[in-house]
C-alpha atoms as a PDB file:
ATOM      1  CA  UNK A   1       9.101  -9.062  10.693  1.00  0.00           C
ATOM      2  CA  UNK A   2       6.807  -7.495   8.072  1.00  0.00           C
ATOM      3  CA  UNK A   3       3.424  -7.857   7.957  1.00  0.00           C
ATOM      4  CA  UNK A   4       2.579  -8.475   4.879  1.00  0.00           C
ATOM      5  CA  UNK A   5       3.964 -10.303   1.394  1.00  0.00           C
ATOM      6  CA  UNK A   6       2.596  -7.766  -0.948  1.00  0.00           C
ATOM      7  CA  UNK A   7       0.117  -5.031  -0.659  1.00  0.00           C
ATOM      8  CA  UNK A   8      -1.034  -2.059  -1.337  1.00  0.00           C
ATOM      9  CA  UNK A   9       0.850   0.844  -0.530  1.00  0.00           C
ATOM     10  CA  UNK A  10      -0.309   1.846   2.588  1.00  0.00           C
ATOM     11  CA  UNK A  11       0.243  -2.062   3.773  1.00  0.00           C
ATOM     12  CA  UNK A  12       3.662  -1.809   2.360  1.00  0.00           C
ATOM     13  CA  UNK A  13       4.618   1.168   4.442  1.00  0.00           C
ATOM     14  CA  UNK A  14       2.764   0.120   7.609  1.00  0.00           C
ATOM     15  CA  UNK A  15       5.001  -2.797   7.199  1.00  0.00           C
ATOM     16  CA  UNK A  16       7.961  -1.216   6.803  1.00  0.00           C
ATOM     17  CA  UNK A  17       7.368   1.105   9.761  1.00  0.00           C
ATOM     18  CA  UNK A  18       6.248  -1.827  12.038  1.00  0.00           C
ATOM     19  CA  UNK A  19       9.283  -3.988  11.242  1.00  0.00           C
ATOM     20  CA  UNK A  20      10.371  -6.011  14.341  1.00  0.00           C
ATOM     21  CA  UNK A  21       6.815  -4.975  15.834  1.00  0.00           C
ATOM     22  CA  UNK A  22       5.143  -7.331  18.136  1.00  0.00           C
ATOM     23  CA  UNK A  23       2.066  -8.721  17.056  1.00  0.00           C
ATOM     24  CA  UNK A  24      -0.323  -6.796  19.054  1.00  0.00           C
ATOM     25  CA  UNK A  25       0.822  -3.720  17.244  1.00  0.00           C
ATOM     26  CA  UNK A  26       0.705  -4.907  14.147  1.00  0.00           C
ATOM     27  CA  UNK A  27      -3.094  -6.073  14.675  1.00  0.00           C
ATOM     28  CA  UNK A  28      -3.600  -2.468  15.634  1.00  0.00           C
ATOM     29  CA  UNK A  29      -2.262  -1.149  12.266  1.00  0.00           C
ATOM     30  CA  UNK A  30      -4.617  -3.747  10.671  1.00  0.00           C
ATOM     31  CA  UNK A  31      -7.600  -1.803  12.816  1.00  0.00           C
ATOM     32  CA  UNK A  32      -7.041   1.190  12.133  1.00  0.00           C
ATOM     33  CA  UNK A  33      -6.325   0.371   8.342  1.00  0.00           C
ATOM     34  CA  UNK A  34      -9.880  -1.267   8.536  1.00  0.00           C
ATOM     35  CA  UNK A  35     -11.116   2.257   9.326  1.00  0.00           C
ATOM     36  CA  UNK A  36      -9.697   4.080   6.740  1.00  0.00           C
ATOM     37  CA  UNK A  37     -11.357   1.632   4.359  1.00  0.00           C
ATOM     38  CA  UNK A  38     -14.953   2.799   4.814  1.00  0.00           C
ATOM     39  CA  UNK A  39     -15.562   5.428   2.547  1.00  0.00           C
ATOM     40  CA  UNK A  40     -13.369   3.569  -0.282  1.00  0.00           C
ATOM     41  CA  UNK A  41     -15.858   0.490   0.791  1.00  0.00           C
ATOM     42  CA  UNK A  42     -18.781   1.993  -0.108  1.00  0.00           C
ATOM     43  CA  UNK A  43     -17.859   3.984  -3.353  1.00  0.00           C
ATOM     44  CA  UNK A  44     -16.516   0.548  -4.524  1.00  0.00           C
ATOM     45  CA  UNK A  45     -19.408  -0.968  -3.503  1.00  0.00           C
ATOM     46  CA  UNK A  46     -17.099  -3.776  -1.708  1.00  0.00           C
ATOM     47  CA  UNK A  47     -18.036  -6.032   0.546  1.00  0.00           C
ATOM     48  CA  UNK A  48     -16.631  -6.680   4.285  1.00  0.00           C
ATOM     49  CA  UNK A  49     -14.971  -9.925   2.516  1.00  0.00           C
ATOM     50  CA  UNK A  50     -13.165  -7.241  -0.199  1.00  0.00           C
ATOM     51  CA  UNK A  51     -11.938  -5.034   3.130  1.00  0.00           C
ATOM     52  CA  UNK A  52     -10.710  -8.482   5.421  1.00  0.00           C
ATOM     53  CA  UNK A  53      -8.941  -9.330   2.059  1.00  0.00           C
ATOM     54  CA  UNK A  54      -7.443  -5.714   1.570  1.00  0.00           C
ATOM     55  CA  UNK A  55      -6.757  -5.854   5.362  1.00  0.00           C
ATOM     56  CA  UNK A  56      -5.196  -8.823   5.553  1.00  0.00           C
ATOM     57  CA  UNK A  57      -2.640  -8.425   2.579  1.00  0.00           C
ATOM     58  CA  UNK A  58      -4.480 -10.767  -0.104  1.00  0.00           C
ATOM     59  CA  UNK A  59      -4.008  -9.968  -3.956  1.00  0.00           C
ATOM     60  CA  UNK A  60      -7.013  -8.375  -5.257  1.00  0.00           C
ATOM     61  CA  UNK A  61      -8.573 -10.717  -7.735  1.00  0.00           C
ATOM     62  CA  UNK A  62     -12.171  -9.237  -8.778  1.00  0.00           C
ATOM     63  CA  UNK A  63     -12.712  -5.916 -10.110  1.00  0.00           C
ATOM     64  CA  UNK A  64     -14.010  -4.471  -6.900  1.00  0.00           C
ATOM     65  CA  UNK A  65     -10.988  -5.860  -5.005  1.00  0.00           C
ATOM     66  CA  UNK A  66      -8.959  -3.766  -7.443  1.00  0.00           C
ATOM     67  CA  UNK A  67     -10.862  -1.077  -7.391  1.00  0.00           C
ATOM     68  CA  UNK A  68     -10.731  -0.819  -3.497  1.00  0.00           C
ATOM     69  CA  UNK A  69      -7.078  -0.779  -3.688  1.00  0.00           C
ATOM     70  CA  UNK A  70      -6.917   2.463  -6.260  1.00  0.00           C
ATOM     71  CA  UNK A  71      -9.684   4.067  -3.821  1.00  0.00           C
ATOM     72  CA  UNK A  72      -7.391   3.995  -1.168  1.00  0.00           C
ATOM     73  CA  UNK A  73      -3.934   4.776  -3.131  1.00  0.00           C
ATOM     74  CA  UNK A  74      -6.274   7.862  -4.635  1.00  0.00           C
ATOM     75  CA  UNK A  75      -7.335   8.843  -1.116  1.00  0.00           C
ATOM     76  CA  UNK A  76      -3.609   9.212  -0.352  1.00  0.00           C
ATOM     77  CA  UNK A  77      -2.414  10.654  -2.715  1.00  0.00           C
ATOM     78  CA  UNK A  78      -0.126   7.500  -4.116  1.00  0.00           C
ATOM     79  CA  UNK A  79      -2.326   7.586  -7.458  1.00  0.00           C
ATOM     80  CA  UNK A  80      -4.183  10.101  -9.360  1.00  0.00           C
ATOM     81  CA  UNK A  81      -5.852   7.215 -10.981  1.00  0.00           C
ATOM     82  CA  UNK A  82      -3.859   7.350 -14.269  1.00  0.00           C
ATOM     83  CA  UNK A  83      -0.378   7.471 -12.743  1.00  0.00           C
ATOM     84  CA  UNK A  84       1.924   6.370  -9.605  1.00  0.00           C
ATOM     85  CA  UNK A  85       2.525  10.083  -7.698  1.00  0.00           C
ATOM     86  CA  UNK A  86       6.023   9.947  -6.455  1.00  0.00           C
ATOM     87  CA  UNK A  87       5.464  13.116  -4.268  1.00  0.00           C
ATOM     88  CA  UNK A  88       2.051  11.267  -2.349  1.00  0.00           C
ATOM     89  CA  UNK A  89       4.033   7.881  -1.985  1.00  0.00           C
ATOM     90  CA  UNK A  90       6.624  10.025  -0.057  1.00  0.00           C
ATOM     91  CA  UNK A  91       4.373  12.316   2.254  1.00  0.00           C
ATOM     92  CA  UNK A  92       2.859   9.294   3.222  1.00  0.00           C
ATOM     93  CA  UNK A  93       5.949   7.434   3.921  1.00  0.00           C
ATOM     94  CA  UNK A  94       7.042  10.145   5.432  1.00  0.00           C
ATOM     95  CA  UNK A  95       4.584   9.999   8.123  1.00  0.00           C
ATOM     96  CA  UNK A  96       4.585   6.434   8.893  1.00  0.00           C
ATOM     97  CA  UNK A  97       8.788   6.422   8.985  1.00  0.00           C
ATOM     98  CA  UNK A  98       8.477   8.872  11.535  1.00  0.00           C
ATOM     99  CA  UNK A  99      11.488  10.479  11.165  1.00  0.00           C
ATOM    100  CA  UNK A 100      13.667   7.226  10.802  1.00  0.00           C
ATOM    101  CA  UNK A 101      16.010   8.774   7.905  1.00  0.00           C
ATOM    102  CA  UNK A 102      17.035   5.182   6.889  1.00  0.00           C
ATOM    103  CA  UNK A 103      14.049   4.209   5.864  1.00  0.00           C
ATOM    104  CA  UNK A 104      12.663   7.524   4.259  1.00  0.00           C
ATOM    105  CA  UNK A 105      15.612   7.146   2.102  1.00  0.00           C
ATOM    106  CA  UNK A 106      14.532   3.842   1.150  1.00  0.00           C
ATOM    107  CA  UNK A 107      11.331   5.045   0.338  1.00  0.00           C
ATOM    108  CA  UNK A 108      12.645   7.272  -1.952  1.00  0.00           C
ATOM    109  CA  UNK A 109      15.002   4.323  -3.855  1.00  0.00           C
ATOM    110  CA  UNK A 110      11.341   2.531  -3.919  1.00  0.00           C
ATOM    111  CA  UNK A 111       9.593   5.705  -5.265  1.00  0.00           C
ATOM    112  CA  UNK A 112      12.184   6.459  -8.142  1.00  0.00           C
ATOM    113  CA  UNK A 113      11.823   2.643  -9.484  1.00  0.00           C
ATOM    114  CA  UNK A 114       7.769   2.820  -9.560  1.00  0.00           C
ATOM    115  CA  UNK A 115       7.806   6.849 -10.678  1.00  0.00           C
ATOM    116  CA  UNK A 116       6.922   5.801 -14.420  1.00  0.00           C
ATOM    117  CA  UNK A 117       4.057   3.424 -13.688  1.00  0.00           C
ATOM    118  CA  UNK A 118       0.902   4.334 -15.437  1.00  0.00           C
ATOM    119  CA  UNK A 119      -2.212   2.811 -16.647  1.00  0.00           C
ATOM    120  CA  UNK A 120      -5.693   4.693 -18.294  1.00  0.00           C
ATOM    121  CA  UNK A 121      -7.484   1.999 -15.988  1.00  0.00           C
ATOM    122  CA  UNK A 122      -6.964   3.273 -12.402  1.00  0.00           C
ATOM    123  CA  UNK A 123      -7.925  -0.394 -11.049  1.00  0.00           C
ATOM    124  CA  UNK A 124      -5.168  -2.058 -13.155  1.00  0.00           C
ATOM    125  CA  UNK A 125      -3.027   0.713 -12.419  1.00  0.00           C
ATOM    126  CA  UNK A 126      -3.652  -0.271  -8.446  1.00  0.00           C
ATOM    127  CA  UNK A 127      -2.516  -3.648  -9.220  1.00  0.00           C
ATOM    128  CA  UNK A 128       0.445  -2.354 -11.428  1.00  0.00           C
ATOM    129  CA  UNK A 129       1.579   0.003  -8.600  1.00  0.00           C
ATOM    130  CA  UNK A 130       1.347  -2.828  -6.063  1.00  0.00           C
ATOM    131  CA  UNK A 131       3.107  -4.820  -7.971  1.00  0.00           C
ATOM    132  CA  UNK A 132       6.586  -2.352  -8.958  1.00  0.00           C
ATOM    133  CA  UNK A 133       6.083  -1.528  -5.093  1.00  0.00           C
ATOM    134  CA  UNK A 134       6.810  -5.145  -4.143  1.00  0.00           C
ATOM    135  CA  UNK A 135       9.403  -5.572  -6.810  1.00  0.00           C
ATOM    136  CA  UNK A 136      11.498  -3.007  -5.778  1.00  0.00           C
ATOM    137  CA  UNK A 137      11.150  -3.590  -2.211  1.00  0.00           C
ATOM    138  CA  UNK A 138      12.552  -7.183  -2.948  1.00  0.00           C
ATOM    139  CA  UNK A 139      15.233  -5.546  -5.120  1.00  0.00           C
ATOM    140  CA  UNK A 140      16.299  -3.385  -2.025  1.00  0.00           C
ATOM    141  CA  UNK A 141      16.309  -6.230   0.379  1.00  0.00           C
ATOM    142  CA  UNK A 142      13.263  -6.220   1.586  1.00  0.00           C
ATOM    143  CA  UNK A 143      11.114  -9.382   2.092  1.00  0.00           C
ATOM    144  CA  UNK A 144       7.258  -8.515   2.376  1.00  0.00           C
ATOM    145  CA  UNK A 145       6.166 -11.666   3.611  1.00  0.00           C
ATOM    146  CA  UNK A 146       4.148 -12.757   6.548  1.00  0.00           C
END
């Protein structure tokens, strides 16, 4: 079971890494992710509700929610605020995949699909990256559903 239906890159990678994981492992991953949002929460003026939505894989709707996702993507090197960063995505993928070469190869294919995603608006870019990652994962047979 993957833990999210469509999500920010970090959640997507956690979901791929935890495919088949027990509920308590998913809960631990979500708690870890909540802790990682602290800096971006402050920087973007996000509320606890915004963070909860991010951690629980709710589609960002407000500008603040989109910018929270952007900040997280930038923090992990997946976005530079203007474009998807393939190298950053792959580095993060390798960390989460812990040597599972099949999953790393899948991440490479997803990265290729999303390499041309750009947007001058960093917050809208975050949504475009999320959508590309979701669409590519589904194209490669991964259903990102709860």
